[in-house]
Amino acid sequence: MNKLLFLDCDSTLCAIEGVDELAALRGPQAENEVIKLTNQAMDGTVPIDEVFGRRLDLILPSREMCKQVGELYIKRLSPGVVNALTLLRERGWEPIIISGGFTPVIEPVADLLNISKIYAVDLYFNEDGSYRGFNAEAPTARNGGKPDIIRDLVSDITPSQTVMLGDGISDLETNSVVDLFIGYGGVISREAVKKQATAFIKSFDELPSTIENYLSETPSSCE
């Protein structure tokens, strides 16, 4: 496979925002504040790096909390994902997760989907499983991180074609570094993403045909 399909996780591969679900486990006060911060970041009204650490300080996610939300990711997998990825793999596409979510939370659903490459944010725990911190240097913990990751991968792998699928502003930032950016509105439709995306879908059932229609006669910008 020499074609790369980059996928956001929260509100794209899965029909939840993992950070919001972690906040719900912490309690209603943390949940309300975190949801507000998440929406501001995803809508682009506040920089991601400005809210990233604040949300985690409110949640203090333990290893057990991450395990619970990881299981929820699997239960809330977006409809049509498995079939779409199966078909796209047959056509030579390699799926890669690029997410501002947390690695230990995303790993279970990545394993389920047989996705070996995950670019997310590592969390650190104390011996008793309590929260110790996060990798503040992770590219996806800031705006501009997703395109940086893609540039590096394209430089290393030199794929023939690249696609990004996601729902948020941080996903839209990749528009200039992939052959096709597809906005996803199957969970939440963000107006800025819908307006500026090259293509926009509301179901994974649409993904294979959308990629084929847009890229069948389009030379790669990576070449």
N, C-alpha and C. Protein backbone atom coordinates (compact mmCIF):
# COMPACT_ATOMS: atom_id res chain seq x y z
N MET A 1 0.85 -1.20 0.00
CA MET A 1 0.00 0.00 0.00
C MET A 1 0.88 1.24 0.00
N ASN A 2 0.61 2.14 -0.94
CA ASN A 2 1.40 3.36 -1.01
C ASN A 2 0.51 4.60 -1.08
N LYS A 3 -0.70 4.45 -0.57
CA LYS A 3 -1.61 5.59 -0.47
C LYS A 3 -2.01 5.72 1.00
N LEU A 4 -1.95 6.92 1.52
CA LEU A 4 -2.17 7.12 2.95
C LEU A 4 -3.50 7.81 3.22
N LEU A 5 -4.29 7.18 4.09
CA LEU A 5 -5.58 7.73 4.53
C LEU A 5 -5.46 8.13 5.99
N PHE A 6 -5.41 9.43 6.24
CA PHE A 6 -5.29 9.95 7.60
C PHE A 6 -6.68 10.16 8.18
N LEU A 7 -6.88 9.66 9.40
CA LEU A 7 -8.21 9.69 10.03
C LEU A 7 -8.15 10.34 11.40
N ASP A 8 -9.05 11.28 11.62
CA ASP A 8 -9.28 11.77 12.97
C ASP A 8 -10.03 10.67 13.72
N CYS A 9 -9.98 10.72 15.04
CA CYS A 9 -10.67 9.69 15.82
C CYS A 9 -11.98 10.20 16.42
N ASP A 10 -11.89 11.21 17.27
CA ASP A 10 -13.07 11.71 17.98
C ASP A 10 -14.05 12.40 17.03
N SER A 11 -15.31 12.03 17.14
CA SER A 11 -16.38 12.57 16.29
C SER A 11 -16.13 12.29 14.80
N THR A 12 -15.29 11.31 14.52
CA THR A 12 -15.06 10.87 13.15
C THR A 12 -15.07 9.34 13.13
N LEU A 13 -13.95 8.70 13.44
CA LEU A 13 -13.97 7.23 13.55
C LEU A 13 -14.98 6.77 14.59
N CYS A 14 -15.06 7.52 15.69
CA CYS A 14 -15.97 7.19 16.78
C CYS A 14 -16.93 8.35 17.01
N ALA A 15 -18.13 8.02 17.45
CA ALA A 15 -19.18 9.03 17.58
C ALA A 15 -19.18 9.71 18.94
N ILE A 16 -18.00 9.86 19.53
CA ILE A 16 -17.87 10.55 20.82
C ILE A 16 -16.61 11.40 20.79
N GLU A 17 -16.52 12.33 21.75
CA GLU A 17 -15.28 13.05 22.03
C GLU A 17 -14.72 12.43 23.31
N GLY A 18 -13.60 11.73 23.19
CA GLY A 18 -13.05 11.00 24.33
C GLY A 18 -12.78 11.87 25.53
N VAL A 19 -12.28 13.09 25.31
CA VAL A 19 -11.97 13.97 26.43
C VAL A 19 -13.23 14.36 27.18
N ASP A 20 -14.35 14.51 26.46
CA ASP A 20 -15.62 14.84 27.12
C ASP A 20 -16.13 13.66 27.95
N GLU A 21 -15.93 12.45 27.43
CA GLU A 21 -16.35 11.25 28.16
C GLU A 21 -15.51 11.06 29.42
N LEU A 22 -14.22 11.35 29.33
CA LEU A 22 -13.37 11.30 30.52
C LEU A 22 -13.84 12.31 31.55
N ALA A 23 -14.21 13.49 31.08
CA ALA A 23 -14.69 14.54 31.98
C ALA A 23 -15.98 14.11 32.67
N ALA A 24 -16.85 13.41 31.94
CA ALA A 24 -18.11 12.93 32.53
C ALA A 24 -17.85 11.97 33.68
N LEU A 25 -16.80 11.17 33.55
CA LEU A 25 -16.44 10.24 34.63
C LEU A 25 -15.95 11.00 35.86
N ARG A 26 -15.36 12.17 35.65
CA ARG A 26 -14.86 12.97 36.77
C ARG A 26 -15.98 13.68 37.50
N GLY A 27 -17.08 14.03 36.78
CA GLY A 27 -18.20 14.68 37.44
C GLY A 27 -18.78 15.80 36.59
N PRO A 28 -20.02 16.25 36.92
CA PRO A 28 -20.72 17.22 36.08
C PRO A 28 -20.03 18.57 35.94
N GLN A 29 -19.38 19.03 36.98
CA GLN A 29 -18.71 20.33 36.90
C GLN A 29 -17.55 20.29 35.90
N ALA A 30 -16.73 19.25 36.01
CA ALA A 30 -15.63 19.08 35.07
C ALA A 30 -16.16 18.86 33.65
N GLU A 31 -17.23 18.07 33.54
CA GLU A 31 -17.79 17.76 32.23
C GLU A 31 -18.25 19.03 31.51
N ASN A 32 -19.00 19.88 32.19
CA ASN A 32 -19.52 21.09 31.56
C ASN A 32 -18.40 22.01 31.09
N GLU A 33 -17.39 22.17 31.93
CA GLU A 33 -16.29 23.07 31.58
C GLU A 33 -15.46 22.51 30.42
N VAL A 34 -15.23 21.20 30.45
CA VAL A 34 -14.42 20.57 29.40
C VAL A 34 -15.15 20.59 28.06
N ILE A 35 -16.44 20.31 28.06
CA ILE A 35 -17.22 20.35 26.81
C ILE A 35 -17.14 21.74 26.18
N LYS A 36 -17.25 22.75 27.01
CA LYS A 36 -17.17 24.13 26.51
C LYS A 36 -15.80 24.39 25.87
N LEU A 37 -14.74 23.97 26.55
CA LEU A 37 -13.39 24.17 26.02
C LEU A 37 -13.15 23.36 24.74
N THR A 38 -13.67 22.13 24.71
CA THR A 38 -13.52 21.28 23.53
C THR A 38 -14.17 21.92 22.31
N ASN A 39 -15.41 22.39 22.48
CA ASN A 39 -16.13 23.01 21.37
C ASN A 39 -15.42 24.26 20.87
N GLN A 40 -14.89 25.05 21.79
CA GLN A 40 -14.15 26.25 21.39
C GLN A 40 -12.92 25.89 20.57
N ALA A 41 -12.23 24.85 20.99
CA ALA A 41 -11.03 24.42 20.26
C ALA A 41 -11.37 23.84 18.89
N MET A 42 -12.42 22.99 18.83
CA MET A 42 -12.78 22.35 17.57
C MET A 42 -13.39 23.33 16.58
N ASP A 43 -14.05 24.37 17.08
CA ASP A 43 -14.62 25.40 16.20
C ASP A 43 -13.59 26.44 15.79
N GLY A 44 -12.42 26.41 16.43
CA GLY A 44 -11.35 27.31 16.07
C GLY A 44 -11.38 28.67 16.74
N THR A 45 -12.24 28.83 17.77
CA THR A 45 -12.32 30.13 18.45
C THR A 45 -11.23 30.30 19.50
N VAL A 46 -10.66 29.17 19.96
CA VAL A 46 -9.57 29.20 20.93
C VAL A 46 -8.49 28.23 20.45
N PRO A 47 -7.20 28.60 20.50
CA PRO A 47 -6.14 27.68 20.09
C PRO A 47 -6.15 26.40 20.92
N ILE A 48 -5.86 25.27 20.27
CA ILE A 48 -5.87 23.98 20.95
C ILE A 48 -4.91 23.95 22.13
N ASP A 49 -3.70 24.49 21.92
CA ASP A 49 -2.71 24.41 23.01
C ASP A 49 -3.12 25.23 24.22
N GLU A 50 -4.04 26.18 24.02
CA GLU A 50 -4.50 27.00 25.14
C GLU A 50 -5.44 26.22 26.06
N VAL A 51 -6.15 25.25 25.51
CA VAL A 51 -7.13 24.50 26.31
C VAL A 51 -6.65 23.11 26.69
N PHE A 52 -5.60 22.61 26.03
CA PHE A 52 -5.23 21.21 26.18
C PHE A 52 -4.90 20.85 27.63
N GLY A 53 -3.96 21.54 28.21
CA GLY A 53 -3.56 21.25 29.59
C GLY A 53 -4.65 21.58 30.59
N ARG A 54 -5.43 22.63 30.30
CA ARG A 54 -6.51 23.03 31.21
C ARG A 54 -7.55 21.93 31.34
N ARG A 55 -7.89 21.30 30.23
CA ARG A 55 -8.87 20.21 30.28
C ARG A 55 -8.35 19.04 31.11
N LEU A 56 -7.11 18.69 30.91
CA LEU A 56 -6.55 17.56 31.66
C LEU A 56 -6.42 17.87 33.15
N ASP A 57 -6.14 19.11 33.49
CA ASP A 57 -6.08 19.50 34.90
C ASP A 57 -7.45 19.40 35.56
N LEU A 58 -8.50 19.62 34.78
CA LEU A 58 -9.86 19.48 35.30
C LEU A 58 -10.25 18.01 35.45
N ILE A 59 -9.79 17.18 34.52
CA ILE A 59 -10.21 15.77 34.49
C ILE A 59 -9.35 14.88 35.38
N LEU A 60 -8.03 15.09 35.35
CA LEU A 60 -7.08 14.21 36.04
C LEU A 60 -7.37 12.74 35.68
N PRO A 61 -7.28 12.39 34.39
CA PRO A 61 -7.69 11.05 33.96
C PRO A 61 -6.77 9.94 34.48
N SER A 62 -7.35 8.99 35.16
CA SER A 62 -6.58 7.85 35.66
C SER A 62 -6.48 6.78 34.57
N ARG A 63 -5.63 5.81 34.79
CA ARG A 63 -5.49 4.70 33.85
C ARG A 63 -6.83 3.95 33.71
N GLU A 64 -7.54 3.78 34.81
CA GLU A 64 -8.83 3.08 34.77
C GLU A 64 -9.86 3.87 33.98
N MET A 65 -9.89 5.19 34.14
CA MET A 65 -10.81 6.03 33.38
C MET A 65 -10.53 5.91 31.88
N CYS A 66 -9.26 5.87 31.52
CA CYS A 66 -8.89 5.73 30.11
C CYS A 66 -9.34 4.38 29.56
N LYS A 67 -9.24 3.35 30.38
CA LYS A 67 -9.69 2.03 29.95
C LYS A 67 -11.20 2.03 29.68
N GLN A 68 -11.96 2.67 30.57
CA GLN A 68 -13.41 2.73 30.40
C GLN A 68 -13.80 3.46 29.12
N VAL A 69 -13.15 4.59 28.86
CA VAL A 69 -13.48 5.36 27.66
C VAL A 69 -12.98 4.64 26.40
N GLY A 70 -11.87 3.93 26.51
CA GLY A 70 -11.39 3.12 25.38
C GLY A 70 -12.42 2.08 24.97
N GLU A 71 -13.08 1.48 25.95
CA GLU A 71 -14.14 0.51 25.66
C GLU A 71 -15.35 1.19 25.03
N LEU A 72 -15.60 2.43 25.45
CA LEU A 72 -16.72 3.18 24.89
C LEU A 72 -16.46 3.55 23.43
N TYR A 73 -15.21 3.84 23.10
CA TYR A 73 -14.85 4.12 21.70
C TYR A 73 -15.29 2.96 20.80
N ILE A 74 -15.04 1.75 21.26
CA ILE A 74 -15.39 0.58 20.46
C ILE A 74 -16.90 0.46 20.31
N LYS A 75 -17.62 0.70 21.40
CA LYS A 75 -19.09 0.62 21.36
C LYS A 75 -19.69 1.70 20.45
N ARG A 76 -19.01 2.85 20.38
CA ARG A 76 -19.56 3.99 19.63
C ARG A 76 -18.80 4.21 18.31
N LEU A 77 -18.28 3.15 17.76
CA LEU A 77 -17.64 3.22 16.45
C LEU A 77 -18.65 3.74 15.42
N SER A 78 -18.24 4.67 14.59
CA SER A 78 -19.16 5.22 13.60
C SER A 78 -19.63 4.13 12.63
N PRO A 79 -20.91 4.13 12.28
CA PRO A 79 -21.42 3.11 11.35
C PRO A 79 -20.69 3.14 10.01
N GLY A 80 -20.41 1.98 9.50
CA GLY A 80 -19.80 1.87 8.17
C GLY A 80 -18.29 1.91 8.15
N VAL A 81 -17.65 2.15 9.31
CA VAL A 81 -16.18 2.27 9.34
C VAL A 81 -15.49 1.00 8.87
N VAL A 82 -15.88 -0.14 9.41
CA VAL A 82 -15.20 -1.41 9.10
C VAL A 82 -15.29 -1.72 7.61
N ASN A 83 -16.48 -1.60 7.04
CA ASN A 83 -16.65 -1.90 5.62
C ASN A 83 -15.86 -0.93 4.74
N ALA A 84 -15.88 0.36 5.11
CA ALA A 84 -15.17 1.37 4.32
C ALA A 84 -13.67 1.11 4.33
N LEU A 85 -13.12 0.81 5.50
CA LEU A 85 -11.68 0.57 5.59
C LEU A 85 -11.27 -0.72 4.88
N THR A 86 -12.12 -1.73 4.95
CA THR A 86 -11.84 -2.98 4.24
C THR A 86 -11.73 -2.73 2.74
N LEU A 87 -12.69 -1.99 2.21
CA LEU A 87 -12.71 -1.70 0.77
C LEU A 87 -11.52 -0.83 0.37
N LEU A 88 -11.21 0.17 1.19
CA LEU A 88 -10.10 1.07 0.86
C LEU A 88 -8.75 0.37 0.96
N ARG A 89 -8.61 -0.55 1.90
CA ARG A 89 -7.37 -1.33 1.97
C ARG A 89 -7.20 -2.17 0.69
N GLU A 90 -8.30 -2.71 0.20
CA GLU A 90 -8.24 -3.49 -1.04
C GLU A 90 -7.78 -2.63 -2.22
N ARG A 91 -8.02 -1.33 -2.10
CA ARG A 91 -7.63 -0.39 -3.17
C ARG A 91 -6.27 0.24 -2.90
N GLY A 92 -5.57 -0.26 -1.88
CA GLY A 92 -4.21 0.18 -1.65
C GLY A 92 -4.02 1.30 -0.65
N TRP A 93 -5.06 1.61 0.12
CA TRP A 93 -4.96 2.69 1.11
C TRP A 93 -4.57 2.14 2.48
N GLU A 94 -3.63 2.82 3.13
CA GLU A 94 -3.24 2.49 4.50
C GLU A 94 -3.84 3.51 5.46
N PRO A 95 -4.72 3.08 6.38
CA PRO A 95 -5.29 4.02 7.34
C PRO A 95 -4.33 4.34 8.48
N ILE A 96 -4.26 5.61 8.84
CA ILE A 96 -3.41 6.10 9.92
C ILE A 96 -4.22 7.06 10.77
N ILE A 97 -4.21 6.89 12.08
CA ILE A 97 -4.94 7.79 12.96
C ILE A 97 -4.05 8.96 13.36
N ILE A 98 -4.56 10.17 13.16
CA ILE A 98 -3.90 11.39 13.64
C ILE A 98 -4.91 12.14 14.49
N SER A 99 -4.68 12.19 15.79
CA SER A 99 -5.70 12.67 16.71
C SER A 99 -5.12 13.51 17.83
N GLY A 100 -5.90 14.50 18.25
CA GLY A 100 -5.56 15.25 19.45
C GLY A 100 -6.05 14.55 20.70
N GLY A 101 -6.57 13.33 20.53
CA GLY A 101 -6.99 12.51 21.66
C GLY A 101 -5.80 11.83 22.32
N PHE A 102 -6.09 10.91 23.21
CA PHE A 102 -5.06 10.32 24.05
C PHE A 102 -4.74 8.88 23.63
N THR A 103 -3.47 8.61 23.48
CA THR A 103 -3.03 7.31 22.97
C THR A 103 -3.63 6.12 23.71
N PRO A 104 -3.61 6.07 25.07
CA PRO A 104 -4.14 4.88 25.75
C PRO A 104 -5.65 4.70 25.57
N VAL A 105 -6.34 5.77 25.23
CA VAL A 105 -7.79 5.69 25.02
C VAL A 105 -8.08 5.20 23.60
N ILE A 106 -7.25 5.61 22.66
CA ILE A 106 -7.47 5.30 21.24
C ILE A 106 -7.00 3.89 20.87
N GLU A 107 -5.99 3.39 21.56
CA GLU A 107 -5.37 2.11 21.18
C GLU A 107 -6.37 0.95 21.02
N PRO A 108 -7.37 0.79 21.91
CA PRO A 108 -8.29 -0.34 21.73
C PRO A 108 -9.04 -0.32 20.40
N VAL A 109 -9.53 0.85 20.00
CA VAL A 109 -10.28 0.91 18.73
C VAL A 109 -9.33 0.80 17.55
N ALA A 110 -8.11 1.29 17.69
CA ALA A 110 -7.10 1.12 16.63
C ALA A 110 -6.78 -0.36 16.44
N ASP A 111 -6.65 -1.09 17.55
CA ASP A 111 -6.40 -2.53 17.48
C ASP A 111 -7.56 -3.24 16.79
N LEU A 112 -8.79 -2.85 17.16
CA LEU A 112 -9.97 -3.46 16.55
C LEU A 112 -9.98 -3.27 15.04
N LEU A 113 -9.56 -2.09 14.59
CA LEU A 113 -9.58 -1.76 13.17
C LEU A 113 -8.27 -2.13 12.47
N ASN A 114 -7.35 -2.75 13.23
CA ASN A 114 -6.05 -3.17 12.68
C ASN A 114 -5.27 -1.98 12.11
N ILE A 115 -5.32 -0.87 12.84
CA ILE A 115 -4.55 0.32 12.47
C ILE A 115 -3.33 0.39 13.39
N SER A 116 -2.16 0.23 12.81
CA SER A 116 -0.95 0.13 13.63
C SER A 116 -0.30 1.48 13.91
N LYS A 117 -0.59 2.47 13.08
CA LYS A 117 0.04 3.78 13.24
C LYS A 117 -0.94 4.77 13.88
N ILE A 118 -0.58 5.24 15.07
CA ILE A 118 -1.39 6.21 15.81
C ILE A 118 -0.51 7.39 16.19
N TYR A 119 -0.93 8.56 15.80
CA TYR A 119 -0.25 9.79 16.22
C TYR A 119 -1.23 10.56 17.09
N ALA A 120 -1.04 10.44 18.41
CA ALA A 120 -1.93 11.06 19.38
C ALA A 120 -1.09 11.59 20.54
N VAL A 121 -1.72 11.83 21.67
CA VAL A 121 -1.02 12.43 22.81
C VAL A 121 -0.87 11.39 23.92
N ASP A 122 0.36 11.10 24.29
CA ASP A 122 0.62 10.15 25.37
C ASP A 122 0.27 10.76 26.72
N LEU A 123 -0.30 9.92 27.59
CA LEU A 123 -0.56 10.31 28.98
C LEU A 123 0.41 9.55 29.88
N TYR A 124 0.74 10.15 31.01
CA TYR A 124 1.64 9.53 31.97
C TYR A 124 0.90 9.30 33.28
N PHE A 125 1.16 8.14 33.89
CA PHE A 125 0.47 7.76 35.12
C PHE A 125 1.47 7.43 36.23
N ASN A 126 1.03 7.63 37.46
CA ASN A 126 1.80 7.19 38.61
C ASN A 126 1.63 5.68 38.77
N GLU A 127 2.40 5.08 39.67
CA GLU A 127 2.34 3.62 39.87
C GLU A 127 0.95 3.16 40.28
N ASP A 128 0.21 4.00 41.00
CA ASP A 128 -1.14 3.61 41.43
C ASP A 128 -2.19 3.87 40.34
N GLY A 129 -1.76 4.31 39.17
CA GLY A 129 -2.68 4.53 38.06
C GLY A 129 -3.25 5.93 37.99
N SER A 130 -2.91 6.77 38.94
CA SER A 130 -3.42 8.15 38.92
C SER A 130 -2.67 8.98 37.87
N TYR A 131 -3.29 10.06 37.48
CA TYR A 131 -2.74 10.91 36.41
C TYR A 131 -1.48 11.64 36.86
N ARG A 132 -0.46 11.61 35.99
CA ARG A 132 0.79 12.31 36.30
C ARG A 132 1.07 13.45 35.33
N GLY A 133 0.59 13.34 34.10
CA GLY A 133 0.84 14.40 33.13
C GLY A 133 0.64 13.91 31.71
N PHE A 134 0.96 14.78 30.75
CA PHE A 134 0.82 14.42 29.33
C PHE A 134 2.03 14.93 28.56
N ASN A 135 2.19 14.41 27.37
CA ASN A 135 3.30 14.82 26.52
C ASN A 135 2.99 16.16 25.87
N ALA A 136 3.44 17.23 26.48
CA ALA A 136 3.16 18.58 25.98
C ALA A 136 3.86 18.85 24.65
N GLU A 137 4.82 17.99 24.27
CA GLU A 137 5.53 18.16 23.00
C GLU A 137 4.83 17.45 21.85
N ALA A 138 3.76 16.73 22.13
CA ALA A 138 3.05 16.01 21.06
C ALA A 138 2.52 17.01 20.04
N PRO A 139 2.78 16.79 18.75
CA PRO A 139 2.33 17.75 17.73
C PRO A 139 0.82 18.01 17.76
N THR A 140 0.02 16.98 18.05
CA THR A 140 -1.43 17.16 17.99
C THR A 140 -2.00 17.86 19.23
N ALA A 141 -1.13 18.23 20.16
CA ALA A 141 -1.58 19.01 21.32
C ALA A 141 -1.57 20.51 21.01
N ARG A 142 -1.31 20.85 19.75
CA ARG A 142 -1.29 22.27 19.35
C ARG A 142 -1.83 22.42 17.93
N ASN A 143 -2.23 23.63 17.60
CA ASN A 143 -2.62 23.92 16.22
C ASN A 143 -1.42 23.76 15.29
N GLY A 144 -1.68 23.26 14.10
CA GLY A 144 -0.62 23.05 13.13
C GLY A 144 0.12 21.74 13.27
N GLY A 145 -0.23 20.96 14.29
CA GLY A 145 0.46 19.70 14.53
C GLY A 145 0.13 18.62 13.53
N LYS A 146 -1.13 18.54 13.12
CA LYS A 146 -1.52 17.49 12.17
C LYS A 146 -0.84 17.66 10.81
N PRO A 147 -0.83 18.88 10.23
CA PRO A 147 -0.08 19.02 8.98
C PRO A 147 1.41 18.74 9.12
N ASP A 148 1.98 19.06 10.27
CA ASP A 148 3.40 18.76 10.49
C ASP A 148 3.66 17.25 10.44
N ILE A 149 2.79 16.48 11.08
CA ILE A 149 2.92 15.02 11.07
C ILE A 149 2.82 14.49 9.64
N ILE A 150 1.84 14.99 8.90
CA ILE A 150 1.63 14.52 7.52
C ILE A 150 2.83 14.87 6.64
N ARG A 151 3.36 16.07 6.78
CA ARG A 151 4.54 16.45 5.99
C ARG A 151 5.70 15.47 6.24
N ASP A 152 5.91 15.15 7.51
CA ASP A 152 7.01 14.23 7.86
C ASP A 152 6.78 12.85 7.26
N LEU A 153 5.54 12.36 7.36
CA LEU A 153 5.23 11.03 6.83
C LEU A 153 5.36 10.99 5.31
N VAL A 154 4.88 12.03 4.66
CA VAL A 154 4.97 12.10 3.20
C VAL A 154 6.44 12.13 2.76
N SER A 155 7.25 12.86 3.51
CA SER A 155 8.68 12.93 3.21
C SER A 155 9.36 11.57 3.36
N ASP A 156 8.94 10.82 4.39
CA ASP A 156 9.56 9.51 4.66
C ASP A 156 9.05 8.42 3.71
N ILE A 157 7.74 8.44 3.45
CA ILE A 157 7.11 7.32 2.75
C ILE A 157 6.92 7.59 1.25
N THR A 158 6.84 8.86 0.87
CA THR A 158 6.52 9.30 -0.50
C THR A 158 5.33 8.53 -1.08
N PRO A 159 4.15 8.68 -0.48
CA PRO A 159 2.96 7.99 -0.98
C PRO A 159 2.52 8.55 -2.33
N SER A 160 1.77 7.75 -3.07
CA SER A 160 1.28 8.21 -4.37
C SER A 160 0.09 9.16 -4.20
N GLN A 161 -0.70 8.96 -3.14
CA GLN A 161 -1.83 9.85 -2.87
C GLN A 161 -2.07 9.93 -1.36
N THR A 162 -2.67 11.05 -0.93
CA THR A 162 -2.97 11.24 0.49
C THR A 162 -4.36 11.85 0.66
N VAL A 163 -5.05 11.37 1.69
CA VAL A 163 -6.39 11.89 2.03
C VAL A 163 -6.46 12.09 3.54
N MET A 164 -7.13 13.15 3.97
CA MET A 164 -7.42 13.36 5.39
C MET A 164 -8.92 13.45 5.57
N LEU A 165 -9.43 12.76 6.59
CA LEU A 165 -10.85 12.82 6.95
C LEU A 165 -10.98 13.26 8.39
N GLY A 166 -11.77 14.31 8.64
CA GLY A 166 -11.96 14.75 10.02
C GLY A 166 -13.05 15.79 10.13
N ASP A 167 -13.44 16.05 11.37
CA ASP A 167 -14.58 16.95 11.63
C ASP A 167 -14.19 18.34 12.09
N GLY A 168 -12.95 18.53 12.57
CA GLY A 168 -12.61 19.77 13.27
C GLY A 168 -11.66 20.68 12.52
N ILE A 169 -11.45 21.86 13.11
CA ILE A 169 -10.56 22.86 12.53
C ILE A 169 -9.13 22.33 12.44
N SER A 170 -8.70 21.57 13.43
CA SER A 170 -7.34 21.02 13.39
C SER A 170 -7.16 20.05 12.23
N ASP A 171 -8.26 19.40 11.82
CA ASP A 171 -8.22 18.52 10.65
C ASP A 171 -8.17 19.36 9.36
N LEU A 172 -8.97 20.41 9.34
CA LEU A 172 -9.01 21.30 8.18
C LEU A 172 -7.65 21.92 7.89
N GLU A 173 -6.84 22.08 8.93
CA GLU A 173 -5.49 22.65 8.75
C GLU A 173 -4.62 21.81 7.81
N THR A 174 -5.00 20.55 7.58
CA THR A 174 -4.21 19.67 6.72
C THR A 174 -4.54 19.85 5.23
N ASN A 175 -5.51 20.70 4.95
CA ASN A 175 -6.03 20.85 3.58
C ASN A 175 -4.93 21.08 2.55
N SER A 176 -3.92 21.84 2.92
CA SER A 176 -2.88 22.22 1.96
C SER A 176 -1.78 21.17 1.82
N VAL A 177 -1.79 20.14 2.66
CA VAL A 177 -0.69 19.16 2.63
C VAL A 177 -1.16 17.77 2.20
N VAL A 178 -2.43 17.63 1.83
CA VAL A 178 -2.94 16.36 1.33
C VAL A 178 -3.56 16.58 -0.06
N ASP A 179 -3.73 15.50 -0.79
CA ASP A 179 -4.36 15.60 -2.10
C ASP A 179 -5.85 15.87 -1.98
N LEU A 180 -6.45 15.37 -0.90
CA LEU A 180 -7.88 15.56 -0.71
C LEU A 180 -8.21 15.65 0.77
N PHE A 181 -8.83 16.76 1.17
CA PHE A 181 -9.35 16.85 2.53
C PHE A 181 -10.86 16.66 2.47
N ILE A 182 -11.34 15.71 3.26
CA ILE A 182 -12.77 15.42 3.34
C ILE A 182 -13.26 15.78 4.74
N GLY A 183 -14.20 16.69 4.82
CA GLY A 183 -14.81 17.01 6.10
C GLY A 183 -15.83 15.94 6.46
N TYR A 184 -15.93 15.65 7.76
CA TYR A 184 -16.87 14.62 8.21
C TYR A 184 -17.92 15.25 9.12
N GLY A 185 -19.19 15.05 8.77
CA GLY A 185 -20.28 15.62 9.56
C GLY A 185 -21.24 14.58 10.08
N GLY A 186 -20.80 13.33 10.18
CA GLY A 186 -21.68 12.26 10.63
C GLY A 186 -22.01 12.30 12.10
N VAL A 187 -21.20 13.01 12.88
CA VAL A 187 -21.44 13.13 14.33
C VAL A 187 -21.82 14.57 14.66
N ILE A 188 -20.99 15.50 14.22
CA ILE A 188 -21.27 16.92 14.37
C ILE A 188 -20.79 17.64 13.12
N SER A 189 -21.62 18.51 12.59
CA SER A 189 -21.28 19.25 11.38
C SER A 189 -20.83 20.65 11.75
N ARG A 190 -19.56 20.94 11.51
CA ARG A 190 -19.01 22.26 11.84
C ARG A 190 -18.99 23.10 10.56
N GLU A 191 -19.62 24.26 10.64
CA GLU A 191 -19.85 25.09 9.45
C GLU A 191 -18.56 25.47 8.74
N ALA A 192 -17.53 25.84 9.51
CA ALA A 192 -16.26 26.26 8.89
C ALA A 192 -15.63 25.11 8.11
N VAL A 193 -15.73 23.90 8.66
CA VAL A 193 -15.17 22.72 7.99
C VAL A 193 -15.97 22.40 6.73
N LYS A 194 -17.28 22.44 6.86
CA LYS A 194 -18.16 22.14 5.72
C LYS A 194 -17.91 23.11 4.57
N LYS A 195 -17.69 24.38 4.92
CA LYS A 195 -17.49 25.43 3.92
C LYS A 195 -16.17 25.28 3.17
N GLN A 196 -15.12 24.91 3.90
CA GLN A 196 -13.78 24.95 3.32
C GLN A 196 -13.24 23.60 2.86
N ALA A 197 -13.91 22.52 3.24
CA ALA A 197 -13.46 21.19 2.82
C ALA A 197 -13.64 21.01 1.31
N THR A 198 -12.74 20.26 0.70
CA THR A 198 -12.87 19.95 -0.72
C THR A 198 -14.09 19.07 -0.95
N ALA A 199 -14.31 18.14 -0.04
CA ALA A 199 -15.50 17.28 -0.07
C ALA A 199 -16.03 17.17 1.35
N PHE A 200 -17.29 16.81 1.48
CA PHE A 200 -17.91 16.71 2.81
C PHE A 200 -18.88 15.54 2.81
N ILE A 201 -18.72 14.64 3.79
CA ILE A 201 -19.59 13.47 3.87
C ILE A 201 -20.20 13.35 5.27
N LYS A 202 -21.30 12.63 5.35
CA LYS A 202 -21.95 12.41 6.65
C LYS A 202 -22.00 10.94 7.03
N SER A 203 -21.41 10.10 6.21
CA SER A 203 -21.41 8.66 6.48
C SER A 203 -20.15 8.02 5.91
N PHE A 204 -19.62 7.03 6.63
CA PHE A 204 -18.46 6.30 6.11
C PHE A 204 -18.81 5.50 4.86
N ASP A 205 -20.10 5.23 4.65
CA ASP A 205 -20.50 4.54 3.43
C ASP A 205 -20.14 5.36 2.19
N GLU A 206 -20.04 6.68 2.36
CA GLU A 206 -19.72 7.57 1.24
C GLU A 206 -18.22 7.69 0.98
N LEU A 207 -17.39 7.24 1.93
CA LEU A 207 -15.96 7.53 1.86
C LEU A 207 -15.26 6.91 0.65
N PRO A 208 -15.41 5.60 0.38
CA PRO A 208 -14.68 5.02 -0.76
C PRO A 208 -15.03 5.70 -2.09
N SER A 209 -16.31 5.93 -2.33
CA SER A 209 -16.70 6.54 -3.61
C SER A 209 -16.26 8.00 -3.70
N THR A 210 -16.26 8.70 -2.57
CA THR A 210 -15.82 10.10 -2.57
C THR A 210 -14.35 10.19 -2.94
N ILE A 211 -13.54 9.33 -2.33
CA ILE A 211 -12.10 9.31 -2.66
C ILE A 211 -11.90 8.97 -4.13
N GLU A 212 -12.60 7.97 -4.60
CA GLU A 212 -12.45 7.54 -6.00
C GLU A 212 -12.86 8.65 -6.96
N ASN A 213 -13.97 9.32 -6.66
CA ASN A 213 -14.48 10.36 -7.56
C ASN A 213 -13.54 11.56 -7.64
N TYR A 214 -12.95 11.93 -6.51
CA TYR A 214 -12.11 13.12 -6.49
C TYR A 214 -10.68 12.86 -6.94
N LEU A 215 -10.19 11.64 -6.73
CA LEU A 215 -8.77 11.38 -6.99
C LEU A 215 -8.49 10.50 -8.20
N SER A 216 -9.51 9.99 -8.85
CA SER A 216 -9.28 9.04 -9.93
C SER A 216 -8.45 9.65 -11.07
N GLU A 217 -8.62 10.96 -11.30
CA GLU A 217 -7.86 11.58 -12.39
C GLU A 217 -7.02 12.74 -11.89
N THR A 218 -6.77 12.77 -10.57
CA THR A 218 -6.03 13.89 -9.99
C THR A 218 -4.60 13.47 -9.68
N PRO A 219 -3.60 14.13 -10.27
CA PRO A 219 -2.21 13.81 -9.93
C PRO A 219 -1.90 14.19 -8.50
N SER A 220 -1.03 13.43 -7.86
CA SER A 220 -0.72 13.68 -6.45
C SER A 220 0.10 14.95 -6.28
N SER A 221 -0.26 15.74 -5.25
CA SER A 221 0.51 16.93 -4.91
C SER A 221 1.77 16.56 -4.17
N CYS A 222 1.89 15.25 -3.80
CA CYS A 222 3.06 14.78 -3.06
C CYS A 222 4.21 14.44 -3.99
N GLU A 223 3.93 14.36 -5.29
CA GLU A 223 4.97 13.91 -6.22
C GLU A 223 5.89 15.06 -6.60
